């Protein structure tokens, strides 16, 4: 598939639709980006909004995190009772928050992840975020980001066929090849042909979902929204979690 990354529409409101099927990224979309991943609590307006949205429309959480990590934030926010369906590890997990998750990774990919984890070079200030069937290497706190980035690029050059490296905001993540947010969203959307997908996300792996929904978005049968800056295949853009909250509130106020 040819990438359609470009600057999206910068003016006008992001449209609402009558029968939405929400796909909501977590970090950077529902929660502000923070240096400590364990402190990424949702924007203050989000918990009440999610409760109102889930009472009216299907809502999926789509995240690069292990779903067990996201469950912690939802439990602290008093939202686990919603039992929201979710996609975790960039498409490698599917489950329900509060009810566990199923891994879709192959045994080959799982073994390759363990091998690459063991081969990671020691780098000062670099933090490894283990996610079970994936792991991320954050270099935001490295004393010399350039040195850390170079070493990590060398490390990813020896990537097994079963894996792929995804570069994000001062992080590189290894994940099983062929399982993406795009494949997950396409699978879920096909189960709900009567609904219009509405996808909001802020990072590199969300582009897979924007690509998967590109034809529908161009025809007005899906709404794809990039949160924050950067070139994107999404049709629209919002600035950050506060803007996301204002957009989602329209579905409650206009209902």
Protein backbone atom coordinates (compact mmCIF):
# COMPACT_ATOMS: atom_id res chain seq x y z
CA UNK A 1 0.00 0.00 0.00
CA UNK A 2 1.36 3.42 -0.91
CA UNK A 3 1.78 5.77 2.00
CA UNK A 4 -0.41 8.87 1.89
CA UNK A 5 1.43 10.88 4.54
CA UNK A 6 0.80 14.59 4.08
CA UNK A 7 -0.32 17.68 5.93
CA UNK A 8 -4.00 17.17 6.80
CA UNK A 9 -6.73 19.79 6.74
CA UNK A 10 -5.61 22.55 9.09
CA UNK A 11 -8.79 24.62 9.15
CA UNK A 12 -12.40 23.91 10.03
CA UNK A 13 -13.84 21.71 12.73
CA UNK A 14 -13.23 18.01 12.87
CA UNK A 15 -16.63 16.59 11.85
CA UNK A 16 -18.86 14.47 14.04
CA UNK A 17 -20.82 11.51 12.66
CA UNK A 18 -24.18 10.02 13.59
CA UNK A 19 -23.14 6.44 14.40
CA UNK A 20 -19.48 6.53 15.47
CA UNK A 21 -17.22 3.60 16.27
CA UNK A 22 -14.52 5.21 18.39
CA UNK A 23 -10.88 4.13 18.31
CA UNK A 24 -8.93 6.16 20.87
CA UNK A 25 -5.19 6.04 21.39
CA UNK A 26 -4.08 6.53 25.00
CA UNK A 27 -0.71 8.28 25.42
CA UNK A 28 -0.71 11.69 23.79
CA UNK A 29 -4.42 11.46 22.96
CA UNK A 30 -6.37 10.69 26.13
CA UNK A 31 -3.39 11.41 28.37
CA UNK A 32 -0.61 14.00 28.05
CA UNK A 33 2.87 12.80 27.09
CA UNK A 34 5.07 12.67 30.21
CA UNK A 35 8.66 11.64 30.88
CA UNK A 36 7.60 8.81 33.23
CA UNK A 37 5.24 6.34 31.46
CA UNK A 38 3.90 5.27 34.86
CA UNK A 39 2.62 8.82 35.45
CA UNK A 40 0.58 9.11 32.22
CA UNK A 41 -2.80 9.69 33.83
CA UNK A 42 -5.73 10.70 31.61
CA UNK A 43 -6.57 14.34 31.01
CA UNK A 44 -8.93 15.45 33.83
CA UNK A 45 -11.92 15.77 31.47
CA UNK A 46 -11.49 12.31 29.94
CA UNK A 47 -12.91 9.91 32.60
CA UNK A 48 -16.38 11.47 32.67
CA UNK A 49 -16.38 11.81 28.88
CA UNK A 50 -15.50 8.16 28.34
CA UNK A 51 -18.32 7.12 30.63
CA UNK A 52 -20.80 9.26 28.68
CA UNK A 53 -19.46 8.11 25.29
CA UNK A 54 -19.52 4.43 26.20
CA UNK A 55 -23.17 4.77 27.25
CA UNK A 56 -24.02 5.93 23.72
CA UNK A 57 -21.52 4.41 21.30
CA UNK A 58 -18.92 1.60 21.04
CA UNK A 59 -15.51 2.78 22.24
CA UNK A 60 -12.23 0.93 21.69
CA UNK A 61 -8.95 1.89 23.33
CA UNK A 62 -6.02 1.37 20.95
CA UNK A 63 -2.59 1.62 22.55
CA UNK A 64 1.04 0.69 22.22
CA UNK A 65 1.07 -0.29 25.88
CA UNK A 66 0.39 -3.69 27.34
CA UNK A 67 -3.30 -3.65 28.22
CA UNK A 68 -2.46 -4.51 31.84
CA UNK A 69 -0.69 -1.14 32.11
CA UNK A 70 -3.68 0.73 30.71
CA UNK A 71 -5.98 -1.13 33.10
CA UNK A 72 -4.04 0.43 35.98
CA UNK A 73 -4.87 3.95 34.78
CA UNK A 74 -8.50 3.03 34.15
CA UNK A 75 -8.80 1.47 37.60
CA UNK A 76 -7.37 4.59 39.23
CA UNK A 77 -9.86 6.69 37.25
CA UNK A 78 -12.76 4.45 38.32
CA UNK A 79 -13.48 3.26 34.77
CA UNK A 80 -12.80 -0.49 34.81
CA UNK A 81 -16.51 -1.18 35.21
CA UNK A 82 -17.01 0.08 31.63
CA UNK A 83 -15.26 -3.08 30.36
CA UNK A 84 -14.06 -1.24 27.26
CA UNK A 85 -12.72 -3.43 24.44
CA UNK A 86 -9.11 -2.65 23.63
CA UNK A 87 -6.18 -3.28 21.32
CA UNK A 88 -2.75 -3.37 22.97
CA UNK A 89 0.91 -3.52 21.98
CA UNK A 90 0.24 -1.78 18.65
CA UNK A 91 -2.12 -4.54 17.49
CA UNK A 92 -0.49 -7.57 19.11
CA UNK A 93 -3.15 -7.87 21.85
CA UNK A 94 -6.93 -7.81 21.86
CA UNK A 95 -9.05 -7.91 24.97
CA UNK A 96 -11.34 -6.07 27.36
CA UNK A 97 -9.99 -3.72 30.01
CA UNK A 98 -10.60 -5.47 33.30
CA UNK A 99 -11.13 -8.89 31.68
CA UNK A 100 -7.66 -9.72 30.36
CA UNK A 101 -6.19 -9.90 26.87
CA UNK A 102 -5.17 -12.43 24.23
CA UNK A 103 -1.77 -12.27 22.53
CA UNK A 104 -1.76 -12.60 18.75
CA UNK A 105 2.04 -12.88 18.48
CA UNK A 106 3.57 -16.02 16.98
CA UNK A 107 6.04 -18.18 18.90
CA UNK A 108 8.73 -17.19 16.39
CA UNK A 109 8.18 -13.50 17.10
CA UNK A 110 8.17 -14.08 20.86
CA UNK A 111 11.51 -15.89 20.68
CA UNK A 112 12.99 -13.21 18.43
CA UNK A 113 11.97 -10.50 20.89
CA UNK A 114 13.80 -12.29 23.69
CA UNK A 115 16.94 -12.59 21.54
CA UNK A 116 16.91 -8.90 20.58
CA UNK A 117 16.27 -7.91 24.21
CA UNK A 118 19.37 -9.80 25.26
CA UNK A 119 21.43 -8.17 22.50
CA UNK A 120 20.52 -4.60 23.49
CA UNK A 121 23.74 -2.63 24.12
CA UNK A 122 24.17 -1.02 27.55
CA UNK A 123 23.52 2.72 27.17
CA UNK A 124 23.57 5.33 29.90
CA UNK A 125 20.21 6.92 30.59
CA UNK A 126 18.33 4.56 28.28
CA UNK A 127 15.25 2.90 29.78
CA UNK A 128 13.70 -0.37 28.61
CA UNK A 129 9.94 -0.67 28.96
CA UNK A 130 9.09 -4.36 28.91
CA UNK A 131 5.61 -5.12 27.59
CA UNK A 132 5.54 -8.90 27.46
CA UNK A 133 5.17 -9.56 23.72
CA UNK A 134 6.93 -6.30 22.82
CA UNK A 135 9.35 -3.87 24.40
CA UNK A 136 10.26 -0.22 23.94
CA UNK A 137 13.61 1.49 24.42
CA UNK A 138 13.33 5.12 25.55
CA UNK A 139 16.36 7.37 25.05
CA UNK A 140 14.83 10.68 26.16
CA UNK A 141 16.96 10.69 29.35
CA UNK A 142 20.26 9.74 27.67
CA UNK A 143 23.00 12.33 28.37
CA UNK A 144 23.85 12.32 24.65
CA UNK A 145 20.74 11.53 22.61
CA UNK A 146 22.75 11.44 19.39
CA UNK A 147 25.07 8.73 20.65
CA UNK A 148 22.16 6.70 22.02
CA UNK A 149 20.20 7.05 18.77
CA UNK A 150 23.19 5.90 16.70
CA UNK A 151 23.74 2.85 18.87
CA UNK A 152 20.07 1.92 18.72
CA UNK A 153 19.97 2.28 14.94
CA UNK A 154 22.95 -0.08 14.68
CA UNK A 155 21.15 -2.51 16.99
CA UNK A 156 17.99 -2.50 14.88
CA UNK A 157 19.90 -3.23 11.66
CA UNK A 158 20.10 -6.90 12.69
CA UNK A 159 16.34 -7.31 12.92
CA UNK A 160 14.93 -10.84 12.55
CA UNK A 161 12.30 -11.29 9.83
CA UNK A 162 9.58 -11.88 12.44
CA UNK A 163 10.05 -8.40 13.95
CA UNK A 164 10.01 -4.78 12.92
CA UNK A 165 11.37 -1.66 14.61
CA UNK A 166 9.04 1.30 15.06
CA UNK A 167 10.56 4.69 15.80
CA UNK A 168 8.54 7.16 17.81
CA UNK A 169 9.11 10.20 20.00
CA UNK A 170 12.60 9.46 21.37
CA UNK A 171 11.74 5.77 21.55
CA UNK A 172 12.17 2.69 19.41
CA UNK A 173 9.89 -0.30 19.86
CA UNK A 174 10.19 -3.84 18.57
CA UNK A 175 6.96 -5.58 17.63
CA UNK A 176 5.90 -8.68 15.69
CA UNK A 177 5.77 -7.97 11.97
CA UNK A 178 2.33 -7.89 10.34
CA UNK A 179 0.38 -7.02 13.50
CA UNK A 180 -0.36 -3.29 13.59
CA UNK A 181 -2.96 -0.86 14.80
CA UNK A 182 -4.06 -0.77 11.18
CA UNK A 183 -4.75 -4.51 10.92
CA UNK A 184 -6.53 -4.43 14.27
CA UNK A 185 -8.73 -1.46 13.40
CA UNK A 186 -9.59 -2.92 10.01
CA UNK A 187 -10.60 -6.19 11.71
CA UNK A 188 -12.81 -4.45 14.29
CA UNK A 189 -14.35 -1.99 11.82
CA UNK A 190 -15.36 -4.85 9.53
CA UNK A 191 -17.39 -6.29 12.43
CA UNK A 192 -19.44 -3.06 12.60
CA UNK A 193 -20.36 -2.12 9.01
CA UNK A 194 -23.25 0.00 10.28
CA UNK A 195 -20.84 2.26 12.19
CA UNK A 196 -18.48 5.04 11.04
CA UNK A 197 -14.91 4.63 12.37
CA UNK A 198 -13.56 7.66 14.26
CA UNK A 199 -9.86 7.22 15.02
CA UNK A 200 -7.77 9.64 17.09
CA UNK A 201 -4.04 9.07 17.64
CA UNK A 202 -0.80 10.98 17.99
CA UNK A 203 2.14 8.73 17.14
CA UNK A 204 3.94 6.79 14.43
CA UNK A 205 2.00 3.56 14.88
CA UNK A 206 -1.32 5.40 14.61
CA UNK A 207 -0.36 6.13 11.01
CA UNK A 208 -0.96 2.43 10.28
CA UNK A 209 -4.58 2.94 11.33
CA UNK A 210 -4.92 6.16 9.34
CA UNK A 211 -3.67 4.28 6.27
CA UNK A 212 -6.08 1.40 6.88
CA UNK A 213 -9.00 3.84 6.99
CA UNK A 214 -7.73 6.18 4.26
CA UNK A 215 -10.23 5.21 1.54
CA UNK A 216 -13.19 5.56 3.89
CA UNK A 217 -11.87 8.86 5.25
CA UNK A 218 -11.50 10.32 1.76
CA UNK A 219 -15.07 9.30 0.98
CA UNK A 220 -16.40 10.74 4.24
CA UNK A 221 -17.12 7.31 5.73
CA UNK A 222 -14.47 7.56 8.45
CA UNK A 223 -12.90 10.34 10.52
CA UNK A 224 -9.14 10.16 11.09
CA UNK A 225 -7.48 12.68 13.39
CA UNK A 226 -3.81 13.23 14.10
CA UNK A 227 -3.26 14.65 17.59
CA UNK A 228 -0.26 16.98 17.64
CA UNK A 229 2.26 17.83 14.95
CA UNK A 230 3.99 15.89 12.21
CA UNK A 231 3.17 14.78 8.68
CA UNK A 232 0.27 12.34 8.61
CA UNK A 233 -2.18 10.34 6.54
CA UNK A 234 -5.03 11.54 8.77
CA UNK A 235 -7.64 13.90 7.36
CA UNK A 236 -7.81 16.21 10.36
CA UNK A 237 -5.70 17.46 13.25
CA UNK A 238 -6.18 18.38 16.91
CA UNK A 239 -3.57 19.96 19.15
CA UNK A 240 -3.54 17.74 22.23
CA UNK A 241 -5.60 15.88 24.86
CA UNK A 242 -7.52 19.04 25.84
CA UNK A 243 -8.64 19.45 22.22
CA UNK A 244 -9.53 15.76 22.09
CA UNK A 245 -11.74 16.23 25.15
CA UNK A 246 -13.49 19.20 23.54
CA UNK A 247 -14.09 17.20 20.36
CA UNK A 248 -15.46 14.14 22.18
CA UNK A 249 -17.71 16.35 24.30
CA UNK A 250 -19.56 17.33 21.13
CA UNK A 251 -20.85 13.76 20.83
CA UNK A 252 -22.38 14.10 24.29
CA UNK A 253 -23.73 17.64 23.96
CA UNK A 254 -25.11 17.16 20.44
CA UNK A 255 -26.72 13.78 21.16
